[in-house]
Amino acid sequence: MVRKPVPNYVTASVAVSLGGFLNGYDTGSVGAVIHMKEFENTVGTMSAFLVGFTVSLIMLTGAIPSVFAGQMADRLGRLRVILIGAVLFGIGAIIEGSSFSLPQFLAGRALAGFGEGVYLSNMAVYICEIAPVKHRGILAGLPQFMATAGVCVGYFTCYGSVAIQSTMSWRAPYVVQSVVAAVFVASCLVLPDSPRWLMNHGRRSEALDALRRLDFSMVEAERDFLSVTNQRSSLPLRQSLSILFRRGYRSRTILALFVLGAVQLSGIDAVLYYAPVLFSQAGLSSETASFLASGVSAILMLAISIPAFLLADKWGRRTSAITGGVMLAGIMLLIGTLYAADAVHPYGVARWVVIVSVFVFGLTYCSTWGIVGKIYASEIQPSNTRAAANSIAQGLGFLTNWLVAILTPVLLDKSAYGAYFLFGGLALVTVAVLAAYMPETRGRSLEEIQDAFHHPGLKSLTTYLRRRTRTQADPAGISIEMDRHRTQQPGTSSSAQTSTVGLRLDVSTA
């Protein structure tokens, strides 16, 4: 029996997800690099604030181009802009690895961050636009899975290189980054651009060729977007940004901004960047044991990401986000309570509770928010604003990521429990907002998802409860039939939005 070959849209998604690996690799390695003795001998001793600034600089500079990257992708194409970002990141990694002073190292991180800001958001958009409905959750979750793999590889690259008695101990991770960046650049040069983007720019023949090269179903493509006759030209930057907050787009833009910003405020970057510090503070006295514990954490997060990644199209986005948020908030509040009660010492049970809780926090994040966040922010946008909205949301994510990275060393130095209570409280607020306003998107095409925003989560919940109450008053039960018509989206022709979806809800009492 001949095995069916892997579709090219899967191969393309994996290749583009190398950008996620680079992002995770930097996250997993930079915290260890700046604590290496040879690095300190090269750049000098750094204060807690300077450590936080050095680690977080890549996010700060990444936030700047994120605002413009979507508009660039709408004008130039998804892959062309991803390519530009990949090149910038690779040059930045080379500068970091060849540094002989802190200013040079900071310049490299700044340039690498600028490159990340250009490619990260567009990478998620590209994968969403080339993935078929039934596999979109898995494929759109690939960048986060690869980022988790990158964190793991980054930790253990440093764990292996720290014993080198030369500056290669901290330069080796940047050699790896540079090589992977070169492969990433080469991938962008050979892959076809997004068929949806090509169709939006009136390049139908190229879109059909891209669909063939990607092994995408022509039946699904014809049903979802090939039949749309209207074309959208690229708007000037000011108009492309302002349209995001007009009626019809506003709710989706705000939700995408919230999702990608809030997931970073959960405290995951404090765990990823400063895991050795967290374990040391909890009572692991040996520097090697603390660093090894960080690596074990990375392995477990990668392991839990595999089933979460494979089941991304089985679990509901909404259920995963809310359940994960409750667990993340509970873990942070538990750790904060132990520190506030002064129960954590180098001996006793409390330190192990903290250590295990840090592990569980990372596992929970990687299996819920880490997978759902970027998928959801990309797929809820209409095609003509998807890149711009996702880029701005990614920019906000960079800013919140930067705040967490730069403030965590200071907060841990002043008040350990304050940091945990802060992250736990923010996670609770996030859960409340998502429960009220997050529609489910699993199993819907990108074009069908837009209708969900006419039925937000809180409204649907209260409507269901009212129906349930009426049903309980009628022992015979009732049958409710509803026809929901897809409403015309701003910027689309009425002919492109005329399909009807039937929904039958049967409710009966026992």
Protein backbone atom coordinates (compact mmCIF):
# COMPACT_ATOMS: atom_id res chain seq x y z
CA MET A 1 0.00 0.00 0.00
CA VAL A 2 1.46 3.34 -1.05
CA ARG A 3 1.47 5.90 1.73
CA LYS A 4 -0.11 9.24 0.92
CA PRO A 5 2.58 11.92 0.76
CA VAL A 6 2.50 14.83 3.16
CA PRO A 7 0.56 17.72 1.53
CA ASN A 8 2.71 20.68 0.56
CA TYR A 9 0.64 23.04 2.70
CA VAL A 10 1.94 21.09 5.72
CA THR A 11 5.54 21.34 4.52
CA ALA A 12 5.11 25.08 3.89
CA SER A 13 3.65 25.57 7.38
CA VAL A 14 6.56 23.75 8.98
CA ALA A 15 9.10 25.76 6.98
CA VAL A 16 7.53 29.10 7.86
CA SER A 17 7.26 28.01 11.51
CA LEU A 18 11.06 28.10 11.71
CA GLY A 19 10.48 31.72 12.63
CA GLY A 20 8.70 30.48 15.76
CA PHE A 21 11.64 28.20 16.53
CA LEU A 22 14.02 31.16 16.34
CA ASN A 23 11.81 33.17 18.67
CA GLY A 24 11.68 30.33 21.19
CA TYR A 25 15.38 29.55 20.87
CA ASP A 26 16.29 33.11 21.79
CA THR A 27 13.87 32.99 24.73
CA GLY A 28 15.36 29.74 25.99
CA SER A 29 18.99 30.77 25.63
CA VAL A 30 19.36 34.47 26.41
CA GLY A 31 18.58 34.14 30.14
CA ALA A 32 21.29 31.51 30.47
CA VAL A 33 23.74 33.39 28.24
CA ILE A 34 23.74 36.59 30.30
CA HIS A 35 24.43 34.60 33.48
CA MET A 36 27.45 32.79 32.00
CA LYS A 37 30.82 33.73 33.49
CA GLU A 38 32.45 34.15 30.06
CA PHE A 39 29.68 36.53 28.97
CA GLU A 40 30.18 38.62 32.08
CA ASN A 41 33.93 38.71 31.38
CA THR A 42 33.15 40.00 27.88
CA VAL A 43 30.57 42.71 28.61
CA GLY A 44 31.08 43.43 32.33
CA THR A 45 28.86 43.04 35.39
CA MET A 46 25.21 44.09 34.93
CA SER A 47 22.65 45.32 37.44
CA ALA A 48 19.21 43.69 37.80
CA PHE A 49 17.67 46.48 35.70
CA LEU A 50 20.32 46.14 32.96
CA VAL A 51 19.79 42.38 32.90
CA GLY A 52 16.07 42.93 32.39
CA PHE A 53 16.70 45.57 29.72
CA THR A 54 19.13 43.35 27.81
CA VAL A 55 16.78 40.37 27.83
CA SER A 56 13.69 42.41 26.93
CA LEU A 57 15.22 44.69 24.28
CA ILE A 58 14.33 42.23 21.53
CA MET A 59 10.63 42.64 22.43
CA LEU A 60 10.82 46.42 22.68
CA THR A 61 12.27 46.83 19.18
CA GLY A 62 9.95 44.12 17.86
CA ALA A 63 6.91 46.16 18.87
CA ILE A 64 7.87 49.04 16.56
CA PRO A 65 7.69 47.32 13.14
CA SER A 66 4.72 45.18 14.19
CA VAL A 67 2.49 48.21 13.73
CA PHE A 68 3.53 48.52 10.08
CA ALA A 69 4.22 44.88 9.18
CA GLY A 70 0.60 44.06 8.41
CA GLN A 71 0.19 46.98 6.04
CA MET A 72 3.46 45.99 4.35
CA ALA A 73 2.20 42.42 3.95
CA ASP A 74 -1.09 43.62 2.47
CA ARG A 75 0.86 45.61 -0.09
CA LEU A 76 3.90 43.42 -0.82
CA GLY A 77 2.69 39.92 0.04
CA ARG A 78 2.90 37.74 3.14
CA LEU A 79 6.04 35.82 2.23
CA ARG A 80 8.02 38.79 0.95
CA VAL A 81 7.62 40.59 4.28
CA ILE A 82 8.39 37.40 6.24
CA LEU A 83 11.58 37.12 4.17
CA ILE A 84 12.62 40.68 5.07
CA GLY A 85 12.10 39.93 8.76
CA ALA A 86 14.05 36.67 8.55
CA VAL A 87 17.03 38.43 6.95
CA LEU A 88 17.03 41.14 9.64
CA PHE A 89 16.85 38.57 12.41
CA GLY A 90 19.73 36.57 10.94
CA ILE A 91 21.95 39.66 10.71
CA GLY A 92 21.06 40.56 14.29
CA ALA A 93 22.00 37.06 15.50
CA ILE A 94 25.38 37.33 13.74
CA ILE A 95 26.05 40.68 15.43
CA GLU A 96 25.12 39.26 18.84
CA GLY A 97 27.33 36.23 18.42
CA SER A 98 30.33 38.30 17.33
CA SER A 99 30.02 40.97 20.05
CA PHE A 100 32.93 42.18 22.13
CA SER A 101 31.05 44.77 24.16
CA LEU A 102 27.59 45.27 25.63
CA PRO A 103 26.59 48.07 23.20
CA GLN A 104 27.37 45.80 20.23
CA PHE A 105 25.39 42.96 21.80
CA LEU A 106 22.46 45.29 22.43
CA ALA A 107 22.59 46.51 18.83
CA GLY A 108 22.36 42.92 17.59
CA ARG A 109 19.40 42.18 19.87
CA ALA A 110 17.67 45.35 18.72
CA LEU A 111 18.03 44.39 15.05
CA ALA A 112 16.95 40.79 15.72
CA GLY A 113 13.89 42.11 17.53
CA PHE A 114 13.08 44.40 14.62
CA GLY A 115 13.17 41.35 12.34
CA GLU A 116 10.90 39.38 14.67
CA GLY A 117 8.43 42.25 14.68
CA VAL A 118 8.30 42.11 10.89
CA TYR A 119 7.85 38.36 10.43
CA LEU A 120 6.11 36.94 13.54
CA SER A 121 2.58 38.24 12.99
CA ASN A 122 2.67 37.67 9.22
CA MET A 123 3.93 34.14 9.74
CA ALA A 124 0.73 33.28 11.64
CA VAL A 125 -1.43 35.00 9.01
CA TYR A 126 0.26 33.11 6.14
CA ILE A 127 -0.29 29.73 7.77
CA CYS A 128 -3.93 30.53 8.57
CA GLU A 129 -4.53 31.46 4.93
CA ILE A 130 -2.97 28.33 3.40
CA ALA A 131 -4.43 25.81 5.87
CA PRO A 132 -7.66 23.89 5.12
CA VAL A 133 -10.45 24.22 7.69
CA LYS A 134 -10.08 20.75 9.20
CA HIS A 135 -6.35 21.20 9.88
CA ARG A 136 -6.15 24.95 10.55
CA GLY A 137 -5.88 24.57 14.34
CA ILE A 138 -2.96 22.17 14.09
CA LEU A 139 -1.09 24.08 11.40
CA ALA A 140 -1.71 27.53 12.88
CA GLY A 141 -0.46 26.15 16.20
CA LEU A 142 2.83 25.06 14.60
CA PRO A 143 4.69 28.36 15.28
CA GLN A 144 3.91 28.09 19.00
CA PHE A 145 4.88 24.42 19.04
CA MET A 146 8.13 25.25 17.28
CA ALA A 147 8.69 28.11 19.73
CA THR A 148 8.34 25.65 22.61
CA ALA A 149 10.79 23.31 20.88
CA GLY A 150 13.12 26.28 20.43
CA VAL A 151 12.99 27.07 24.14
CA CYS A 152 13.95 23.48 24.94
CA VAL A 153 16.81 23.39 22.42
CA GLY A 154 17.99 26.81 23.59
CA TYR A 155 18.18 25.70 27.22
CA PHE A 156 20.18 22.60 26.45
CA THR A 157 22.47 24.27 23.93
CA CYS A 158 23.52 26.58 26.75
CA TYR A 159 23.67 23.72 29.25
CA GLY A 160 26.11 21.96 26.93
CA SER A 161 28.16 25.02 25.99
CA VAL A 162 28.53 26.54 29.49
CA ALA A 163 31.44 24.19 30.20
CA ILE A 164 33.49 25.56 27.28
CA GLN A 165 36.40 27.55 28.70
CA SER A 166 36.21 30.38 26.18
CA THR A 167 33.76 32.93 24.80
CA MET A 168 32.38 30.15 22.58
CA SER A 169 30.41 29.09 25.65
CA TRP A 170 27.97 31.95 25.02
CA ARG A 171 28.64 32.51 21.31
CA ALA A 172 27.63 28.96 20.29
CA PRO A 173 23.87 29.59 20.72
CA TYR A 174 24.10 32.48 18.27
CA VAL A 175 25.92 30.31 15.75
CA VAL A 176 22.92 27.95 15.89
CA GLN A 177 20.52 30.89 15.52
CA SER A 178 22.35 32.17 12.47
CA VAL A 179 22.26 28.76 10.73
CA VAL A 180 18.53 28.27 11.39
CA ALA A 181 17.85 31.83 10.20
CA ALA A 182 19.63 31.04 6.91
CA VAL A 183 17.37 27.99 6.40
CA PHE A 184 14.34 30.16 7.22
CA VAL A 185 15.37 32.71 4.58
CA ALA A 186 15.87 29.98 1.97
CA SER A 187 12.39 28.58 2.70
CA CYS A 188 10.77 31.95 2.10
CA LEU A 189 12.46 32.19 -1.29
CA VAL A 190 10.93 28.96 -2.65
CA LEU A 191 7.42 28.87 -1.13
CA PRO A 192 4.34 30.27 -2.95
CA ASP A 193 2.55 33.27 -1.47
CA SER A 194 -0.88 33.08 0.16
CA PRO A 195 -3.59 32.22 -2.42
CA ARG A 196 -6.07 34.38 -0.48
CA TRP A 197 -3.74 37.39 -0.68
CA LEU A 198 -3.22 36.78 -4.40
CA MET A 199 -6.99 36.61 -4.97
CA ASN A 200 -7.54 39.83 -3.04
CA HIS A 201 -5.12 41.53 -5.44
CA GLY A 202 -6.77 40.20 -8.58
CA ARG A 203 -4.01 37.69 -9.37
CA ARG A 204 -6.28 34.69 -9.90
CA SER A 205 -3.94 32.69 -12.14
CA GLU A 206 -1.13 32.99 -9.58
CA ALA A 207 -3.56 32.03 -6.81
CA LEU A 208 -4.56 28.88 -8.70
CA ASP A 209 -0.89 28.01 -9.24
CA ALA A 210 -0.20 28.55 -5.52
CA LEU A 211 -3.13 26.28 -4.61
CA ARG A 212 -1.74 23.54 -6.85
CA ARG A 213 1.75 23.90 -5.40
CA LEU A 214 0.33 23.76 -1.86
CA ASP A 215 -1.92 20.71 -2.63
CA PHE A 216 -4.89 22.70 -1.34
CA SER A 217 -8.37 21.35 -2.14
CA MET A 218 -9.81 23.22 -5.13
CA VAL A 219 -13.33 22.35 -3.93
CA GLU A 220 -12.75 24.05 -0.58
CA ALA A 221 -11.00 26.99 -2.23
CA GLU A 222 -13.88 27.50 -4.68
CA ARG A 223 -16.41 27.33 -1.87
CA ASP A 224 -14.61 29.76 0.46
CA PHE A 225 -12.77 32.38 -1.55
CA LEU A 226 -12.20 31.69 -5.25
CA SER A 227 -15.80 32.60 -6.04
CA VAL A 228 -15.44 36.07 -4.50
CA THR A 229 -15.21 38.54 -7.36
CA ASN A 230 -14.44 41.76 -5.49
CA GLN A 231 -10.82 42.83 -5.14
CA ARG A 232 -9.21 44.94 -2.47
CA SER A 233 -6.29 47.17 -3.25
CA SER A 234 -3.76 48.08 -0.59
CA LEU A 235 -4.73 51.11 1.47
CA PRO A 236 -2.36 53.81 2.70
CA LEU A 237 -0.97 53.12 6.19
CA ARG A 238 -3.21 55.64 7.96
CA GLN A 239 -6.39 54.26 6.36
CA SER A 240 -5.40 50.63 6.88
CA LEU A 241 -4.94 51.31 10.60
CA SER A 242 -8.02 53.47 11.07
CA ILE A 243 -10.35 50.96 9.37
CA LEU A 244 -9.56 48.45 12.11
CA PHE A 245 -11.53 50.49 14.61
CA ARG A 246 -14.53 51.24 12.45
CA ARG A 247 -17.89 49.64 13.05
CA GLY A 248 -17.88 46.06 11.77
CA TYR A 249 -14.18 45.59 12.49
CA ARG A 250 -13.79 47.12 15.93
CA SER A 251 -14.84 44.16 18.08
CA ARG A 252 -12.51 41.74 16.31
CA THR A 253 -9.57 44.12 16.45
CA ILE A 254 -10.01 44.79 20.16
CA LEU A 255 -10.40 41.08 20.92
CA ALA A 256 -7.23 40.22 18.97
CA LEU A 257 -5.35 42.98 20.79
CA PHE A 258 -6.60 41.72 24.11
CA VAL A 259 -5.83 38.06 23.45
CA LEU A 260 -2.23 38.51 22.33
CA GLY A 261 -1.53 41.16 24.96
CA ALA A 262 -3.14 39.33 27.87
CA VAL A 263 -1.50 35.95 27.30
CA GLN A 264 1.90 37.55 27.86
CA LEU A 265 0.74 39.21 31.09
CA SER A 266 0.02 35.78 32.57
CA GLY A 267 3.69 35.61 33.58
CA ILE A 268 4.84 32.97 31.13
CA ASP A 269 7.80 35.07 30.04
CA ALA A 270 8.92 35.37 33.65
CA VAL A 271 9.01 31.56 33.74
CA LEU A 272 10.73 31.17 30.37
CA TYR A 273 13.35 33.90 30.72
CA TYR A 274 14.10 33.61 34.42
CA ALA A 275 13.41 29.96 35.28
CA PRO A 276 16.92 29.54 36.82
CA VAL A 277 16.24 32.56 39.07
CA LEU A 278 12.80 31.25 40.08
CA PHE A 279 14.16 27.82 41.01
CA SER A 280 17.11 29.33 42.86
CA GLN A 281 14.79 31.63 44.80
CA ALA A 282 12.61 28.64 45.70
CA GLY A 283 15.55 26.88 47.33
CA LEU A 284 17.59 25.00 44.71
CA SER A 285 21.01 26.02 46.02
CA SER A 286 23.18 24.56 43.26
CA GLU A 287 23.47 26.77 40.17
CA THR A 288 23.75 23.68 38.00
CA ALA A 289 20.70 22.06 39.60
CA SER A 290 18.70 25.24 39.08
CA PHE A 291 19.70 25.46 35.43
CA LEU A 292 19.03 21.74 34.87
CA ALA A 293 15.58 22.16 36.43
CA SER A 294 14.94 24.85 33.85
CA GLY A 295 15.85 22.40 31.11
CA VAL A 296 13.56 19.74 32.56
CA SER A 297 10.79 22.34 32.55
CA ALA A 298 11.48 23.01 28.87
CA ILE A 299 11.35 19.28 28.04
CA LEU A 300 8.03 18.85 29.83
CA MET A 301 6.56 21.92 28.11
CA LEU A 302 7.61 20.51 24.75
CA ALA A 303 6.13 17.11 25.65
CA ILE A 304 2.75 18.57 26.66
CA SER A 305 2.72 20.73 23.53
CA ILE A 306 2.68 17.66 21.29
CA PRO A 307 -0.80 16.37 22.25
CA ALA A 308 -2.08 19.94 22.61
CA PHE A 309 -0.82 20.72 19.11
CA LEU A 310 -2.27 17.52 17.61
CA LEU A 311 -5.63 18.05 19.31
CA ALA A 312 -5.93 21.73 18.48
CA ASP A 313 -8.77 20.98 16.03
CA LYS A 314 -10.53 18.66 18.50
CA TRP A 315 -10.75 21.05 21.46
CA GLY A 316 -12.77 24.23 21.32
CA ARG A 317 -10.75 27.46 21.32
CA ARG A 318 -13.06 29.05 23.89
CA THR A 319 -13.07 26.09 26.30
CA SER A 320 -9.30 25.75 26.13
CA ALA A 321 -8.71 29.46 26.74
CA ILE A 322 -11.06 29.75 29.72
CA THR A 323 -10.02 26.49 31.40
CA GLY A 324 -6.34 27.28 30.94
CA GLY A 325 -6.78 30.80 32.30
CA VAL A 326 -8.43 29.57 35.51
CA MET A 327 -5.59 27.11 36.09
CA LEU A 328 -2.86 29.69 35.36
CA ALA A 329 -4.41 32.21 37.75
CA GLY A 330 -4.78 29.59 40.49
CA ILE A 331 -1.15 28.49 40.22
CA MET A 332 0.20 32.06 40.39
CA LEU A 333 -1.99 32.91 43.38
CA LEU A 334 -0.90 29.72 45.16
CA ILE A 335 2.80 30.52 44.73
CA GLY A 336 2.22 34.14 45.78
CA THR A 337 0.39 33.00 48.92
CA LEU A 338 3.27 30.73 49.94
CA TYR A 339 5.80 33.54 49.54
CA ALA A 340 3.54 36.04 51.33
CA ALA A 341 3.24 33.64 54.27
CA ASP A 342 7.07 33.33 54.35
CA ALA A 343 6.70 29.56 54.00
CA VAL A 344 9.29 29.06 51.24
CA HIS A 345 12.76 28.09 52.52
CA PRO A 346 15.70 25.99 51.26
CA TYR A 347 14.17 23.15 53.28
CA GLY A 348 10.65 21.84 53.82
CA VAL A 349 7.67 21.05 51.60
CA ALA A 350 6.76 24.59 50.48
CA ARG A 351 9.78 24.98 48.19
CA TRP A 352 8.82 21.80 46.34
CA VAL A 353 5.25 23.05 46.00
CA VAL A 354 6.65 26.20 44.35
CA ILE A 355 8.99 24.24 42.08
CA VAL A 356 6.25 21.81 40.98
CA SER A 357 3.83 24.73 40.50
CA VAL A 358 6.28 26.47 38.16
CA PHE A 359 6.46 23.25 36.12
CA VAL A 360 2.66 22.92 36.06
CA PHE A 361 2.27 26.58 35.08
CA GLY A 362 4.50 26.12 32.04
CA LEU A 363 2.70 22.91 31.05
CA THR A 364 -0.72 24.51 31.39
CA TYR A 365 0.27 27.54 29.35
CA CYS A 366 1.78 25.48 26.54
CA SER A 367 -1.28 23.23 26.30
CA THR A 368 -3.86 26.04 26.38
CA TRP A 369 -3.06 29.74 25.97
CA GLY A 370 0.17 29.15 24.10
CA ILE A 371 -1.63 27.20 21.37
CA VAL A 372 -4.95 29.06 21.27
CA GLY A 373 -3.82 32.69 21.48
CA LYS A 374 -2.06 33.17 18.16
CA ILE A 375 -4.44 30.90 16.26
CA TYR A 376 -7.47 32.82 17.49
CA ALA A 377 -6.06 36.30 16.91
CA SER A 378 -5.33 35.42 13.27
CA GLU A 379 -8.47 33.55 12.31
CA ILE A 380 -11.07 36.00 13.67
CA GLN A 381 -10.09 38.79 11.28
CA PRO A 382 -11.66 39.48 7.85
CA SER A 383 -9.21 38.91 5.00
CA ASN A 384 -8.78 42.60 4.20
CA THR A 385 -7.70 43.46 7.76
CA ARG A 386 -6.19 40.16 8.91
CA ALA A 387 -2.54 41.12 8.47
CA ALA A 388 -2.88 44.67 9.80
CA ALA A 389 -4.93 43.67 12.87
CA ASN A 390 -2.72 40.71 13.69
CA SER A 391 0.40 42.85 13.38
CA ILE A 392 -0.90 45.48 15.78
CA ALA A 393 -1.98 42.73 18.19
CA GLN A 394 1.50 41.19 17.90
CA GLY A 395 2.98 44.62 18.62
CA LEU A 396 0.94 44.86 21.81
CA GLY A 397 2.10 41.35 22.68
CA PHE A 398 5.70 42.49 22.24
CA LEU A 399 5.10 45.46 24.57
CA THR A 400 3.48 43.38 27.31
CA ASN A 401 6.20 40.76 26.86
CA TRP A 402 8.79 43.50 27.26
CA LEU A 403 7.11 44.82 30.41
CA VAL A 404 7.11 41.35 31.99
CA ALA A 405 10.74 40.68 31.02
CA ILE A 406 12.09 44.00 32.27
CA LEU A 407 10.01 44.16 35.47
CA THR A 408 10.32 40.54 36.65
CA PRO A 409 13.94 40.80 37.95
CA VAL A 410 13.06 44.00 39.80
CA LEU A 411 9.82 42.57 41.25
CA LEU A 412 11.50 39.34 42.35
CA ASP A 413 14.28 41.34 43.99
CA LYS A 414 11.83 43.55 45.92
CA SER A 415 8.83 41.29 46.56
CA ALA A 416 8.48 37.75 45.22
CA TYR A 417 4.84 37.35 46.21
CA GLY A 418 3.90 40.70 44.64
CA ALA A 419 4.99 39.46 41.19
CA TYR A 420 2.96 36.25 41.48
CA PHE A 421 -0.15 38.02 42.79
CA LEU A 422 0.10 40.51 39.92
CA PHE A 423 0.28 37.83 37.24
CA GLY A 424 -2.47 35.76 38.89
CA GLY A 425 -4.83 38.75 39.09
CA LEU A 426 -4.23 39.66 35.46
CA ALA A 427 -4.97 36.08 34.40
CA LEU A 428 -8.31 36.18 36.27
CA VAL A 429 -9.29 39.42 34.52
CA THR A 430 -8.41 37.82 31.18
CA VAL A 431 -10.63 34.82 31.90
CA ALA A 432 -13.57 37.07 32.74
CA VAL A 433 -13.23 39.01 29.47
CA LEU A 434 -12.84 35.89 27.33
CA ALA A 435 -15.86 34.25 28.97
CA ALA A 436 -17.95 37.28 28.06
CA TYR A 437 -16.77 38.08 24.53
CA MET A 438 -14.97 35.11 22.94
CA PRO A 439 -17.01 33.26 20.25
CA GLU A 440 -16.00 29.73 19.27
CA THR A 441 -14.22 29.40 15.88
CA ARG A 442 -13.26 25.72 15.70
CA GLY A 443 -14.45 23.95 12.55
CA ARG A 444 -15.41 27.11 10.64
CA SER A 445 -13.78 28.52 7.54
CA LEU A 446 -12.10 31.91 7.80
CA GLU A 447 -14.99 33.37 5.82
CA GLU A 448 -17.65 31.80 8.08
CA ILE A 449 -16.03 32.88 11.35
CA GLN A 450 -17.07 36.50 10.85
CA ASP A 451 -20.71 35.62 11.57
CA ALA A 452 -19.78 34.45 15.07
CA PHE A 453 -19.20 38.03 16.17
CA HIS A 454 -22.93 38.66 15.97
CA HIS A 455 -23.33 36.11 18.78
CA PRO A 456 -20.71 36.90 21.49
CA GLY A 457 -20.15 34.42 24.28
CA LEU A 458 -22.00 36.24 27.10
CA LYS A 459 -25.05 36.90 24.93
CA SER A 460 -25.14 33.28 23.79
CA LEU A 461 -24.87 32.09 27.40
CA THR A 462 -27.70 34.24 28.71
CA THR A 463 -29.88 33.30 25.72
CA TYR A 464 -29.27 29.62 26.41
CA LEU A 465 -30.15 30.02 30.10
CA ARG A 466 -33.41 31.78 29.24
CA ARG A 467 -34.32 29.00 26.82
CA ARG A 468 -33.44 26.37 29.41
CA THR A 469 -35.72 28.05 31.95
CA ARG A 470 -38.63 28.10 29.50
CA THR A 471 -37.99 24.47 28.61
CA GLN A 472 -38.13 23.31 32.22
CA ALA A 473 -41.55 24.94 32.47
CA ASP A 474 -42.76 22.77 29.56
CA PRO A 475 -42.57 19.03 30.43
CA ALA A 476 -43.21 18.04 26.86
CA GLY A 477 -40.09 19.78 25.65
CA ILE A 478 -39.65 22.15 22.77
CA SER A 479 -37.90 22.26 19.44
CA ILE A 480 -36.34 25.47 18.31
CA GLU A 481 -35.46 26.04 14.69
CA MET A 482 -33.28 28.95 13.70
CA ASP A 483 -32.03 30.12 10.32
CA ARG A 484 -28.99 32.31 10.62
CA HIS A 485 -28.01 34.33 7.55
CA ARG A 486 -24.44 35.44 7.18
CA THR A 487 -24.45 39.20 7.26
CA GLN A 488 -22.61 41.23 4.71
CA GLN A 489 -19.16 42.23 5.94
CA PRO A 490 -17.79 45.71 5.35
CA GLY A 491 -15.81 45.84 2.13
CA THR A 492 -17.41 42.77 0.55
CA SER A 493 -19.98 42.41 -2.16
CA SER A 494 -23.39 41.07 -1.31
CA SER A 495 -22.95 38.26 -3.83
CA ALA A 496 -19.99 36.97 -1.86
CA GLN A 497 -21.95 36.74 1.37
CA THR A 498 -25.28 35.13 0.53
CA SER A 499 -24.91 31.65 1.96
CA THR A 500 -27.37 30.49 4.60
CA VAL A 501 -26.53 28.39 7.63
CA GLY A 502 -29.29 26.38 9.29
CA LEU A 503 -29.10 25.58 13.00
CA ARG A 504 -31.52 23.32 14.82
CA LEU A 505 -31.52 23.21 18.61
CA ASP A 506 -33.58 20.49 20.31
CA VAL A 507 -34.04 20.91 24.04
CA SER A 508 -36.05 18.53 26.16
CA THR A 509 -36.37 17.80 29.82
CA ALA A 510 -35.78 14.49 31.42
